[in-house]
C-alpha cells in the first residue's frame, strides 16, 4: 500500500507542476494533495522522521495564498501600469472566458484582449495607453504562473524528501 501511496503522491506533485502552467488543472492544490497523502500514510525522510503537521499546514496556507493571488495579481498589475477599473474587470473576465474557450492559451490571450478592449471601450483611452494596461495584465499572468510553479516545486521537494 505504501508504494501505491508514494506513486500517487509523486503523480499528484507532477500533475500539480503541470497545472501551474495549464489552467485546466489546479496546480498547487494537486501538489498539496500529494503531501497530504504522504502525511496520512506515514511518509518519512531519510532520518525516519515523519512529515510534521506544521509543514503540511504551512504548505496549505501557501497553496491558498498562491491560488488567490493568481486571480488578483493580473488585475493589480493592470492597474499599476495605468489601467482603469474597466481594464481590471476586462482582465478578469477575459481570463475566465479564456479558460473555457481556448485553454491554456485562451487565458493569456483573452485577459490581455479583455484589458485592451475595456480600456478603449469603457475608459476612452487611446491605443498605446490601452496596450500598456494590457501588457500589465500579461505581466500579471506571468507573475502568477511563476508563483504557482515555485509553490509546486517546493511541495514536490517535500514529496520526494518524505517518500
N, C-alpha and C. Protein backbone atom coordinates (compact mmCIF):
# COMPACT_ATOMS: atom_id res chain seq x y z
N UNK A 1 0.82 -1.20 0.00
CA UNK A 1 0.00 0.00 0.00
C UNK A 1 0.87 1.27 0.00
N UNK A 2 2.00 1.20 0.72
CA UNK A 2 2.87 2.37 0.79
C UNK A 2 3.43 2.74 -0.57
N UNK A 3 3.72 1.74 -1.39
CA UNK A 3 4.25 2.01 -2.73
C UNK A 3 3.20 2.71 -3.58
N UNK A 4 1.96 2.28 -3.48
CA UNK A 4 0.88 2.91 -4.25
C UNK A 4 0.67 4.35 -3.80
N UNK A 5 0.70 4.58 -2.49
CA UNK A 5 0.55 5.94 -1.96
C UNK A 5 1.71 6.81 -2.44
N UNK A 6 2.92 6.27 -2.42
CA UNK A 6 4.08 7.02 -2.90
C UNK A 6 3.96 7.39 -4.36
N UNK A 7 3.52 6.44 -5.17
CA UNK A 7 3.33 6.71 -6.60
C UNK A 7 2.26 7.77 -6.81
N UNK A 8 1.14 7.66 -6.08
CA UNK A 8 0.07 8.65 -6.21
C UNK A 8 0.53 10.04 -5.76
N UNK A 9 1.34 10.09 -4.70
CA UNK A 9 1.85 11.38 -4.22
C UNK A 9 2.75 12.03 -5.26
N UNK A 10 3.65 11.25 -5.85
CA UNK A 10 4.54 11.79 -6.88
C UNK A 10 3.74 12.23 -8.10
N UNK A 11 2.77 11.42 -8.50
CA UNK A 11 1.91 11.82 -9.64
C UNK A 11 1.16 13.11 -9.35
N UNK A 12 0.65 13.25 -8.12
CA UNK A 12 -0.05 14.49 -7.75
C UNK A 12 0.91 15.68 -7.83
N UNK A 13 2.16 15.48 -7.38
CA UNK A 13 3.15 16.56 -7.46
C UNK A 13 3.48 16.94 -8.89
N UNK A 14 3.65 15.95 -9.75
CA UNK A 14 3.97 16.22 -11.16
C UNK A 14 2.79 16.89 -11.86
N UNK A 15 1.60 16.37 -11.64
CA UNK A 15 0.42 16.97 -12.26
C UNK A 15 0.20 18.38 -11.71
N UNK A 16 0.54 18.60 -10.43
CA UNK A 16 0.45 19.94 -9.85
C UNK A 16 1.38 20.92 -10.54
N UNK A 17 2.59 20.48 -10.84
CA UNK A 17 3.53 21.35 -11.55
C UNK A 17 2.99 21.67 -12.95
N UNK A 18 2.48 20.65 -13.62
CA UNK A 18 1.87 20.89 -14.94
C UNK A 18 0.67 21.83 -14.82
N UNK A 19 -0.10 21.66 -13.75
CA UNK A 19 -1.27 22.52 -13.54
C UNK A 19 -0.92 23.96 -13.25
N UNK A 20 0.32 24.23 -12.89
CA UNK A 20 0.74 25.62 -12.68
C UNK A 20 0.80 26.37 -14.00
N UNK A 21 0.97 25.64 -15.07
CA UNK A 21 1.06 26.25 -16.40
C UNK A 21 -0.25 26.07 -17.17
N UNK A 22 -0.89 24.94 -16.98
CA UNK A 22 -2.14 24.64 -17.69
C UNK A 22 -3.32 25.04 -16.81
N UNK A 23 -4.13 25.98 -17.26
CA UNK A 23 -5.21 26.49 -16.40
C UNK A 23 -6.33 25.49 -16.14
N UNK A 24 -6.38 24.40 -16.88
CA UNK A 24 -7.45 23.42 -16.66
C UNK A 24 -7.20 22.59 -15.41
N UNK A 25 -5.97 22.59 -14.90
CA UNK A 25 -5.63 21.80 -13.72
C UNK A 25 -5.28 22.72 -12.55
N UNK A 26 -5.81 22.43 -11.36
CA UNK A 26 -5.47 23.25 -10.19
C UNK A 26 -4.11 22.84 -9.62
N UNK A 27 -3.05 23.48 -10.07
CA UNK A 27 -1.70 23.06 -9.74
C UNK A 27 -1.36 22.95 -8.27
N UNK A 28 -1.31 24.05 -7.53
CA UNK A 28 -0.92 23.96 -6.11
C UNK A 28 -1.81 23.04 -5.28
N UNK A 29 -3.14 23.06 -5.45
CA UNK A 29 -3.94 22.11 -4.66
C UNK A 29 -3.60 20.65 -4.95
N UNK A 30 -3.30 20.32 -6.19
CA UNK A 30 -2.93 18.94 -6.50
C UNK A 30 -1.60 18.56 -5.85
N UNK A 31 -0.65 19.45 -5.88
CA UNK A 31 0.63 19.18 -5.23
C UNK A 31 0.44 19.00 -3.73
N UNK A 32 -0.42 19.81 -3.14
CA UNK A 32 -0.67 19.70 -1.71
C UNK A 32 -1.34 18.37 -1.37
N UNK A 33 -2.22 17.89 -2.25
CA UNK A 33 -2.83 16.57 -2.03
C UNK A 33 -1.76 15.49 -1.99
N UNK A 34 -0.73 15.62 -2.82
CA UNK A 34 0.39 14.68 -2.78
C UNK A 34 1.06 14.69 -1.41
N UNK A 35 1.25 15.87 -0.84
CA UNK A 35 1.82 15.97 0.50
C UNK A 35 0.88 15.36 1.54
N UNK A 36 -0.39 15.62 1.39
CA UNK A 36 -1.40 15.10 2.32
C UNK A 36 -1.40 13.56 2.34
N UNK A 37 -1.29 12.98 1.16
CA UNK A 37 -1.23 11.52 1.08
C UNK A 37 -0.05 10.97 1.89
N UNK A 38 1.10 11.59 1.73
CA UNK A 38 2.28 11.14 2.47
C UNK A 38 2.13 11.38 3.97
N UNK A 39 1.48 12.46 4.34
CA UNK A 39 1.29 12.75 5.76
C UNK A 39 0.44 11.67 6.42
N UNK A 40 -0.68 11.32 5.81
CA UNK A 40 -1.59 10.35 6.41
C UNK A 40 -1.09 8.90 6.31
N UNK A 41 -0.28 8.61 5.32
CA UNK A 41 0.21 7.25 5.18
C UNK A 41 1.67 7.11 5.62
N UNK A 42 2.11 8.01 6.49
CA UNK A 42 3.38 7.84 7.17
C UNK A 42 4.63 8.02 6.35
N UNK A 43 4.65 9.00 5.46
CA UNK A 43 5.88 9.27 4.73
C UNK A 43 6.97 9.74 5.68
N UNK A 44 8.18 9.26 5.48
CA UNK A 44 9.30 9.64 6.34
C UNK A 44 10.48 10.10 5.50
N UNK A 45 11.32 10.93 6.10
CA UNK A 45 12.53 11.35 5.38
C UNK A 45 13.64 10.33 5.60
N UNK A 46 14.84 10.62 5.18
CA UNK A 46 15.94 9.66 5.26
C UNK A 46 16.37 9.37 6.70
N UNK A 47 15.99 10.22 7.65
CA UNK A 47 16.32 10.01 9.06
C UNK A 47 15.20 9.28 9.80
N UNK A 48 14.12 8.96 9.09
CA UNK A 48 13.00 8.27 9.72
C UNK A 48 11.98 9.19 10.35
N UNK A 49 12.15 10.51 10.18
CA UNK A 49 11.21 11.47 10.75
C UNK A 49 9.99 11.59 9.85
N UNK A 50 8.80 11.57 10.47
CA UNK A 50 7.57 11.75 9.70
C UNK A 50 7.37 13.22 9.36
N UNK A 51 6.59 13.47 8.30
CA UNK A 51 6.26 14.84 7.92
C UNK A 51 5.47 15.48 9.06
N UNK A 52 5.83 16.69 9.42
CA UNK A 52 5.15 17.36 10.52
C UNK A 52 3.86 18.03 10.04
N UNK A 53 2.94 18.16 10.97
CA UNK A 53 1.69 18.85 10.67
C UNK A 53 1.97 20.32 10.33
N UNK A 54 3.01 20.89 10.92
CA UNK A 54 3.37 22.28 10.63
C UNK A 54 3.70 22.47 9.16
N UNK A 55 4.52 21.58 8.61
CA UNK A 55 4.88 21.68 7.18
C UNK A 55 3.63 21.57 6.33
N UNK A 56 2.79 20.61 6.67
CA UNK A 56 1.57 20.40 5.89
C UNK A 56 0.66 21.64 5.94
N UNK A 57 0.48 22.23 7.11
CA UNK A 57 -0.39 23.40 7.24
C UNK A 57 0.22 24.65 6.62
N UNK A 58 1.53 24.81 6.72
CA UNK A 58 2.19 25.95 6.06
C UNK A 58 2.01 25.85 4.55
N UNK A 59 2.20 24.65 4.01
CA UNK A 59 2.01 24.46 2.56
C UNK A 59 0.54 24.64 2.16
N UNK A 60 -0.39 24.31 3.04
CA UNK A 60 -1.81 24.58 2.77
C UNK A 60 -2.02 26.09 2.68
N UNK A 61 -1.43 26.84 3.61
CA UNK A 61 -1.53 28.30 3.57
C UNK A 61 -0.92 28.87 2.30
N UNK A 62 0.23 28.36 1.91
CA UNK A 62 0.89 28.79 0.67
C UNK A 62 -0.01 28.47 -0.52
N UNK A 63 -0.60 27.28 -0.51
CA UNK A 63 -1.48 26.86 -1.61
C UNK A 63 -2.67 27.82 -1.74
N UNK A 64 -3.30 28.13 -0.64
CA UNK A 64 -4.45 29.04 -0.67
C UNK A 64 -4.02 30.43 -1.12
N UNK A 65 -2.93 30.93 -0.56
CA UNK A 65 -2.44 32.27 -0.91
C UNK A 65 -2.09 32.37 -2.40
N UNK A 66 -1.35 31.41 -2.90
CA UNK A 66 -0.93 31.44 -4.31
C UNK A 66 -2.14 31.30 -5.24
N UNK A 67 -3.09 30.47 -4.85
CA UNK A 67 -4.28 30.29 -5.68
C UNK A 67 -5.10 31.58 -5.76
N UNK A 68 -5.21 32.29 -4.66
CA UNK A 68 -5.94 33.56 -4.66
C UNK A 68 -5.16 34.62 -5.43
N UNK A 69 -3.85 34.70 -5.17
CA UNK A 69 -3.03 35.71 -5.85
C UNK A 69 -3.02 35.52 -7.36
N UNK A 70 -3.17 34.29 -7.80
CA UNK A 70 -3.18 34.02 -9.23
C UNK A 70 -4.32 34.74 -9.94
N UNK A 71 -5.39 35.01 -9.24
CA UNK A 71 -6.51 35.76 -9.82
C UNK A 71 -6.43 37.26 -9.53
N UNK A 72 -5.71 37.64 -8.48
CA UNK A 72 -5.64 39.05 -8.08
C UNK A 72 -4.51 39.80 -8.79
N UNK A 73 -3.35 39.17 -8.93
CA UNK A 73 -2.16 39.85 -9.46
C UNK A 73 -2.36 40.42 -10.86
N UNK A 74 -2.97 39.70 -11.82
CA UNK A 74 -3.14 40.31 -13.14
C UNK A 74 -3.95 41.62 -13.09
N UNK A 75 -5.00 41.64 -12.29
CA UNK A 75 -5.79 42.86 -12.17
C UNK A 75 -4.98 43.97 -11.51
N UNK A 76 -4.24 43.62 -10.48
CA UNK A 76 -3.43 44.61 -9.77
C UNK A 76 -2.37 45.22 -10.69
N UNK A 77 -1.63 44.37 -11.42
CA UNK A 77 -0.58 44.91 -12.30
C UNK A 77 -1.17 45.68 -13.48
N UNK A 78 -2.37 45.35 -13.86
CA UNK A 78 -3.04 46.15 -14.89
C UNK A 78 -3.26 47.57 -14.37
N UNK A 79 -3.71 47.66 -13.12
CA UNK A 79 -3.96 48.97 -12.52
C UNK A 79 -2.66 49.74 -12.32
N UNK A 80 -1.59 49.04 -11.88
CA UNK A 80 -0.29 49.69 -11.64
C UNK A 80 0.29 50.26 -12.92
N UNK A 81 0.04 49.61 -14.05
CA UNK A 81 0.57 50.09 -15.33
C UNK A 81 -0.34 51.13 -15.98
N UNK A 82 -1.25 51.68 -15.20
CA UNK A 82 -2.08 52.77 -15.70
C UNK A 82 -3.46 52.35 -16.13
N UNK A 83 -3.80 51.12 -15.94
CA UNK A 83 -5.12 50.64 -16.33
C UNK A 83 -6.20 51.14 -15.38
N UNK A 84 -7.38 51.27 -15.91
CA UNK A 84 -8.52 51.71 -15.12
C UNK A 84 -9.21 50.52 -14.48
N UNK A 85 -10.26 50.80 -13.72
CA UNK A 85 -11.07 49.74 -13.14
C UNK A 85 -11.67 48.88 -14.26
N UNK A 86 -12.00 49.51 -15.37
CA UNK A 86 -12.55 48.77 -16.51
C UNK A 86 -11.54 47.76 -17.03
N UNK A 87 -10.26 48.13 -17.06
CA UNK A 87 -9.22 47.21 -17.53
C UNK A 87 -9.05 46.05 -16.55
N UNK A 88 -9.15 46.33 -15.24
CA UNK A 88 -9.07 45.25 -14.25
C UNK A 88 -10.19 44.24 -14.48
N UNK A 89 -11.40 44.75 -14.68
CA UNK A 89 -12.53 43.86 -14.93
C UNK A 89 -12.37 43.15 -16.27
N UNK A 90 -11.88 43.85 -17.25
CA UNK A 90 -11.64 43.23 -18.56
C UNK A 90 -10.63 42.10 -18.47
N UNK A 91 -9.59 42.32 -17.68
CA UNK A 91 -8.59 41.28 -17.47
C UNK A 91 -9.20 40.05 -16.82
N UNK A 92 -9.95 40.28 -15.75
CA UNK A 92 -10.54 39.18 -15.00
C UNK A 92 -11.56 38.41 -15.85
N UNK A 93 -12.44 39.14 -16.51
CA UNK A 93 -13.46 38.49 -17.34
C UNK A 93 -12.82 37.76 -18.51
N UNK A 94 -11.82 38.39 -19.13
CA UNK A 94 -11.11 37.74 -20.24
C UNK A 94 -10.42 36.48 -19.81
N UNK A 95 -9.83 36.49 -18.61
CA UNK A 95 -9.13 35.31 -18.11
C UNK A 95 -10.11 34.16 -17.88
N UNK A 96 -11.23 34.46 -17.26
CA UNK A 96 -12.23 33.42 -17.01
C UNK A 96 -12.79 32.90 -18.33
N UNK A 97 -13.09 33.79 -19.24
CA UNK A 97 -13.61 33.40 -20.56
C UNK A 97 -12.60 32.53 -21.30
N UNK A 98 -11.33 32.93 -21.24
CA UNK A 98 -10.28 32.21 -21.95
C UNK A 98 -10.06 30.80 -21.44
N UNK A 99 -10.33 30.57 -20.15
CA UNK A 99 -10.19 29.23 -19.58
C UNK A 99 -11.11 28.26 -20.30
N UNK A 100 -12.32 28.72 -20.61
CA UNK A 100 -13.33 27.84 -21.20
C UNK A 100 -13.27 27.79 -22.72
N UNK A 101 -12.83 28.87 -23.34
CA UNK A 101 -12.86 28.95 -24.80
C UNK A 101 -11.67 28.27 -25.45
N UNK A 102 -10.47 28.53 -24.94
CA UNK A 102 -9.27 28.07 -25.65
C UNK A 102 -8.13 27.74 -24.67
N UNK A 103 -8.38 26.81 -23.74
CA UNK A 103 -7.29 26.52 -22.80
C UNK A 103 -6.10 25.89 -23.51
N UNK A 104 -4.89 26.12 -23.05
CA UNK A 104 -4.47 27.01 -21.99
C UNK A 104 -4.17 28.42 -22.48
N UNK A 105 -4.02 28.60 -23.77
CA UNK A 105 -3.61 29.90 -24.30
C UNK A 105 -4.69 30.97 -24.20
N UNK A 106 -5.94 30.54 -24.17
CA UNK A 106 -7.04 31.50 -24.09
C UNK A 106 -6.99 32.35 -22.85
N UNK A 107 -6.48 31.79 -21.77
CA UNK A 107 -6.38 32.54 -20.53
C UNK A 107 -5.46 33.75 -20.70
N UNK A 108 -4.37 33.56 -21.40
CA UNK A 108 -3.42 34.66 -21.63
C UNK A 108 -4.01 35.64 -22.65
N UNK A 109 -4.40 35.11 -23.78
CA UNK A 109 -4.86 35.95 -24.90
C UNK A 109 -6.07 36.78 -24.49
N UNK A 110 -7.07 36.14 -23.88
CA UNK A 110 -8.29 36.87 -23.58
C UNK A 110 -8.15 37.81 -22.38
N UNK A 111 -7.22 37.53 -21.46
CA UNK A 111 -7.02 38.50 -20.38
C UNK A 111 -6.39 39.78 -20.93
N UNK A 112 -5.42 39.63 -21.84
CA UNK A 112 -4.80 40.80 -22.47
C UNK A 112 -5.81 41.52 -23.35
N UNK A 113 -6.53 40.76 -24.15
CA UNK A 113 -7.55 41.35 -25.03
C UNK A 113 -8.65 42.03 -24.23
N UNK A 114 -9.05 41.39 -23.13
CA UNK A 114 -10.09 41.99 -22.27
C UNK A 114 -9.67 43.33 -21.71
N UNK A 115 -8.43 43.40 -21.22
CA UNK A 115 -7.93 44.67 -20.68
C UNK A 115 -7.83 45.72 -21.77
N UNK A 116 -7.33 45.33 -22.94
CA UNK A 116 -7.17 46.27 -24.05
C UNK A 116 -8.53 46.83 -24.50
N UNK A 117 -9.48 45.94 -24.72
CA UNK A 117 -10.81 46.38 -25.19
C UNK A 117 -11.54 47.20 -24.13
N UNK A 118 -11.41 46.82 -22.87
CA UNK A 118 -12.08 47.58 -21.81
C UNK A 118 -11.53 49.00 -21.72
N UNK A 119 -10.23 49.14 -21.90
CA UNK A 119 -9.63 50.47 -21.86
C UNK A 119 -10.14 51.34 -23.02
N UNK A 120 -10.21 50.76 -24.20
CA UNK A 120 -10.66 51.51 -25.36
C UNK A 120 -12.16 51.82 -25.28
N UNK A 121 -12.95 50.81 -24.94
CA UNK A 121 -14.41 50.96 -24.99
C UNK A 121 -15.00 51.70 -23.79
N UNK A 122 -14.48 51.43 -22.60
CA UNK A 122 -15.11 51.98 -21.40
C UNK A 122 -14.32 53.10 -20.74
N UNK A 123 -13.01 53.13 -20.92
CA UNK A 123 -12.19 54.17 -20.29
C UNK A 123 -11.78 55.25 -21.28
N UNK A 124 -12.17 55.09 -22.53
CA UNK A 124 -11.88 56.07 -23.58
C UNK A 124 -10.39 56.41 -23.69
N UNK A 125 -9.56 55.39 -23.62
CA UNK A 125 -8.12 55.60 -23.75
C UNK A 125 -7.70 55.29 -25.18
N UNK A 126 -6.55 55.86 -25.57
CA UNK A 126 -6.06 55.59 -26.92
C UNK A 126 -5.36 54.23 -26.96
N UNK A 127 -4.96 53.83 -28.14
CA UNK A 127 -4.38 52.51 -28.33
C UNK A 127 -3.12 52.25 -27.54
N UNK A 128 -2.23 53.23 -27.45
CA UNK A 128 -0.96 52.99 -26.73
C UNK A 128 -1.19 52.87 -25.22
N UNK A 129 -2.08 53.70 -24.68
CA UNK A 129 -2.39 53.59 -23.25
C UNK A 129 -3.07 52.26 -22.95
N UNK A 130 -3.97 51.86 -23.82
CA UNK A 130 -4.67 50.58 -23.64
C UNK A 130 -3.70 49.41 -23.75
N UNK A 131 -2.74 49.51 -24.65
CA UNK A 131 -1.75 48.44 -24.82
C UNK A 131 -0.86 48.32 -23.58
N UNK A 132 -0.50 49.46 -22.99
CA UNK A 132 0.31 49.44 -21.77
C UNK A 132 -0.43 48.71 -20.66
N UNK A 133 -1.71 48.98 -20.51
CA UNK A 133 -2.52 48.29 -19.50
C UNK A 133 -2.62 46.81 -19.80
N UNK A 134 -2.79 46.47 -21.07
CA UNK A 134 -2.91 45.07 -21.46
C UNK A 134 -1.60 44.32 -21.20
N UNK A 135 -0.47 44.96 -21.43
CA UNK A 135 0.82 44.32 -21.15
C UNK A 135 1.03 44.14 -19.65
N UNK A 136 0.49 45.06 -18.85
CA UNK A 136 0.50 44.88 -17.40
C UNK A 136 -0.29 43.64 -17.01
N UNK A 137 -1.38 43.41 -17.71
CA UNK A 137 -2.17 42.21 -17.49
C UNK A 137 -1.36 40.96 -17.80
N UNK A 138 -0.65 40.97 -18.91
CA UNK A 138 0.18 39.84 -19.29
C UNK A 138 1.28 39.59 -18.26
N UNK A 139 1.91 40.66 -17.80
CA UNK A 139 2.93 40.55 -16.78
C UNK A 139 2.35 39.91 -15.52
N UNK A 140 1.13 40.30 -15.17
CA UNK A 140 0.46 39.71 -14.01
C UNK A 140 0.24 38.23 -14.17
N UNK A 141 -0.12 37.81 -15.36
CA UNK A 141 -0.30 36.39 -15.62
C UNK A 141 1.02 35.63 -15.43
N UNK A 142 2.10 36.19 -15.95
CA UNK A 142 3.41 35.57 -15.83
C UNK A 142 3.84 35.47 -14.36
N UNK A 143 3.63 36.53 -13.59
CA UNK A 143 3.99 36.52 -12.16
C UNK A 143 3.16 35.48 -11.41
N UNK A 144 1.87 35.42 -11.68
CA UNK A 144 1.01 34.43 -11.02
C UNK A 144 1.44 33.01 -11.34
N UNK A 145 1.75 32.76 -12.59
CA UNK A 145 2.21 31.43 -13.01
C UNK A 145 3.54 31.09 -12.33
N UNK A 146 4.44 32.05 -12.25
CA UNK A 146 5.72 31.84 -11.58
C UNK A 146 5.54 31.49 -10.11
N UNK A 147 4.65 32.19 -9.44
CA UNK A 147 4.39 31.89 -8.03
C UNK A 147 3.86 30.46 -7.85
N UNK A 148 2.96 30.05 -8.73
CA UNK A 148 2.42 28.70 -8.65
C UNK A 148 3.51 27.66 -8.89
N UNK A 149 4.37 27.92 -9.86
CA UNK A 149 5.46 26.99 -10.15
C UNK A 149 6.41 26.84 -8.96
N UNK A 150 6.74 27.95 -8.33
CA UNK A 150 7.63 27.90 -7.17
C UNK A 150 6.97 27.12 -6.03
N UNK A 151 5.70 27.41 -5.76
CA UNK A 151 4.99 26.71 -4.69
C UNK A 151 4.93 25.21 -4.97
N UNK A 152 4.59 24.84 -6.19
CA UNK A 152 4.52 23.42 -6.55
C UNK A 152 5.89 22.76 -6.52
N UNK A 153 6.91 23.49 -6.90
CA UNK A 153 8.27 22.96 -6.83
C UNK A 153 8.69 22.67 -5.39
N UNK A 154 8.35 23.56 -4.48
CA UNK A 154 8.67 23.34 -3.06
C UNK A 154 7.90 22.13 -2.54
N UNK A 155 6.62 22.03 -2.90
CA UNK A 155 5.84 20.88 -2.44
C UNK A 155 6.36 19.57 -3.04
N UNK A 156 6.81 19.62 -4.28
CA UNK A 156 7.38 18.42 -4.90
C UNK A 156 8.67 18.02 -4.17
N UNK A 157 9.43 19.01 -3.75
CA UNK A 157 10.63 18.74 -2.95
C UNK A 157 10.25 17.96 -1.68
N UNK A 158 9.21 18.43 -0.97
CA UNK A 158 8.79 17.74 0.25
C UNK A 158 8.24 16.35 -0.05
N UNK A 159 7.55 16.21 -1.17
CA UNK A 159 7.04 14.88 -1.55
C UNK A 159 8.20 13.92 -1.74
N UNK A 160 9.24 14.36 -2.42
CA UNK A 160 10.40 13.50 -2.67
C UNK A 160 11.14 13.20 -1.35
N UNK A 161 11.31 14.20 -0.51
CA UNK A 161 12.03 14.01 0.77
C UNK A 161 11.29 13.01 1.66
N UNK A 162 9.97 13.08 1.68
CA UNK A 162 9.20 12.22 2.58
C UNK A 162 8.66 10.96 1.94
N UNK A 163 9.22 10.56 0.81
CA UNK A 163 8.79 9.29 0.19
C UNK A 163 9.20 8.10 1.01
